[in-house]
Amino acid sequence: MKLLKSKQGIFVQINEAYYHLTEADWDQLFNRTNLLASLSDEISTLSPVAAPADLLAPIGSQEVWAAGV
């Protein structure tokens, strides 16, 4: 399972399938209780969509220290 952030929103990739999540805020997504189970439950109600375009850096308001060092 991979999480992808794009200009269109947040997507989950499982194997070759992509799912567009209803959550629009990256920080709120990562603050969910039991994230893996929460995502698995949500994905079970969604249909696969096309791969997202215009990917963004996978970060919200978190601090980044020594990135790339």
C-alpha atoms as a PDB file:
ATOM      1  CA  MET A   1       0.000   0.000   0.000  1.00  0.00           C
ATOM      2  CA  LYS A   2       1.368   3.394  -1.045  1.00  0.00           C
ATOM      3  CA  LEU A   3      -0.052   6.819  -0.274  1.00  0.00           C
ATOM      4  CA  LEU A   4       0.248   9.430  -3.002  1.00  0.00           C
ATOM      5  CA  LYS A   5      -0.425  13.146  -2.762  1.00  0.00           C
ATOM      6  CA  SER A   6      -1.379  14.992  -5.938  1.00  0.00           C
ATOM      7  CA  LYS A   7      -3.104  18.165  -7.042  1.00  0.00           C
ATOM      8  CA  GLN A   8      -6.292  16.090  -7.385  1.00  0.00           C
ATOM      9  CA  GLY A   9      -6.141  14.869  -3.761  1.00  0.00           C
ATOM     10  CA  ILE A  10      -4.844  11.842  -1.873  1.00  0.00           C
ATOM     11  CA  PHE A  11      -4.658   8.418  -3.498  1.00  0.00           C
ATOM     12  CA  VAL A  12      -3.836   4.931  -2.280  1.00  0.00           C
ATOM     13  CA  GLN A  13      -2.033   2.538  -4.600  1.00  0.00           C
ATOM     14  CA  ILE A  14      -2.433  -1.187  -4.028  1.00  0.00           C
ATOM     15  CA  ASN A  15      -0.572  -3.228  -6.625  1.00  0.00           C
ATOM     16  CA  GLU A  16      -1.625  -1.584  -9.920  1.00  0.00           C
ATOM     17  CA  ALA A  17      -4.945  -0.162  -8.635  1.00  0.00           C
ATOM     18  CA  TYR A  18      -5.425   3.429  -7.451  1.00  0.00           C
ATOM     19  CA  TYR A  19      -8.155   4.696  -5.103  1.00  0.00           C
ATOM     20  CA  HIS A  20      -9.066   8.355  -4.538  1.00  0.00           C
ATOM     21  CA  LEU A  21      -9.610   8.990  -0.828  1.00  0.00           C
ATOM     22  CA  THR A  22     -12.296  11.273   0.535  1.00  0.00           C
ATOM     23  CA  GLU A  23      -9.805  12.796   3.008  1.00  0.00           C
ATOM     24  CA  ALA A  24      -8.418  16.018   1.541  1.00  0.00           C
ATOM     25  CA  ASP A  25      -5.989  16.998   4.301  1.00  0.00           C
ATOM     26  CA  TRP A  26      -2.645  15.189   4.464  1.00  0.00           C
ATOM     27  CA  ASP A  27      -2.116  15.936   8.179  1.00  0.00           C
ATOM     28  CA  GLN A  28      -5.593  14.716   9.167  1.00  0.00           C
ATOM     29  CA  LEU A  29      -5.041  11.534   7.196  1.00  0.00           C
ATOM     30  CA  PHE A  30      -1.902  10.676   9.141  1.00  0.00           C
ATOM     31  CA  ASN A  31      -3.536  11.497  12.463  1.00  0.00           C
ATOM     32  CA  ARG A  32      -6.277   8.890  11.993  1.00  0.00           C
ATOM     33  CA  THR A  33      -6.445   6.248  14.698  1.00  0.00           C
ATOM     34  CA  ASN A  34      -5.215   2.899  13.350  1.00  0.00           C
ATOM     35  CA  LEU A  35      -4.387   4.299   9.905  1.00  0.00           C
ATOM     36  CA  LEU A  36      -3.915   0.964   8.117  1.00  0.00           C
ATOM     37  CA  ALA A  37      -7.282  -0.443   9.235  1.00  0.00           C
ATOM     38  CA  SER A  38      -8.983   2.880   8.509  1.00  0.00           C
ATOM     39  CA  LEU A  39      -7.596   2.972   4.966  1.00  0.00           C
ATOM     40  CA  SER A  40      -8.445  -0.681   4.351  1.00  0.00           C
ATOM     41  CA  ASP A  41     -12.055  -0.070   5.403  1.00  0.00           C
ATOM     42  CA  GLU A  42     -12.361   3.019   3.222  1.00  0.00           C
ATOM     43  CA  ILE A  43     -10.794   1.349   0.170  1.00  0.00           C
ATOM     44  CA  SER A  44     -13.241  -1.537   0.411  1.00  0.00           C
ATOM     45  CA  THR A  45     -16.046   0.946  -0.436  1.00  0.00           C
ATOM     46  CA  LEU A  46     -14.232   2.620  -3.361  1.00  0.00           C
ATOM     47  CA  SER A  47     -13.804   1.741  -7.023  1.00  0.00           C
ATOM     48  CA  PRO A  48     -10.393   1.923  -8.736  1.00  0.00           C
ATOM     49  CA  VAL A  49      -9.621   5.116 -10.658  1.00  0.00           C
ATOM     50  CA  ALA A  50      -6.943   6.240 -13.111  1.00  0.00           C
ATOM     51  CA  ALA A  51      -3.443   6.884 -11.793  1.00  0.00           C
ATOM     52  CA  PRO A  52      -3.065  10.398 -10.378  1.00  0.00           C
ATOM     53  CA  ALA A  53      -1.174  13.048 -12.298  1.00  0.00           C
ATOM     54  CA  ASP A  54       0.806  15.986 -10.958  1.00  0.00           C
ATOM     55  CA  LEU A  55       2.232  14.267  -7.858  1.00  0.00           C
ATOM     56  CA  LEU A  56       3.282  16.476  -4.946  1.00  0.00           C
ATOM     57  CA  ALA A  57       5.773  15.978  -2.147  1.00  0.00           C
ATOM     58  CA  PRO A  58       4.248  13.667   0.502  1.00  0.00           C
ATOM     59  CA  ILE A  59       4.297  16.193   3.319  1.00  0.00           C
ATOM     60  CA  GLY A  60       1.848  18.491   5.066  1.00  0.00           C
ATOM     61  CA  SER A  61       2.789  20.809   7.888  1.00  0.00           C
ATOM     62  CA  GLN A  62       5.416  18.495   9.383  1.00  0.00           C
ATOM     63  CA  GLU A  63       8.901  19.875   9.906  1.00  0.00           C
ATOM     64  CA  VAL A  64      11.609  18.480   7.667  1.00  0.00           C
ATOM     65  CA  TRP A  65      15.118  18.304   9.043  1.00  0.00           C
ATOM     66  CA  ALA A  66      18.251  17.314   7.122  1.00  0.00           C
ATOM     67  CA  ALA A  67      16.329  16.084   4.081  1.00  0.00           C
ATOM     68  CA  GLY A  68      18.696  14.657   1.519  1.00  0.00           C
ATOM     69  CA  VAL A  69      21.704  14.759   3.824  1.00  0.00           C
END
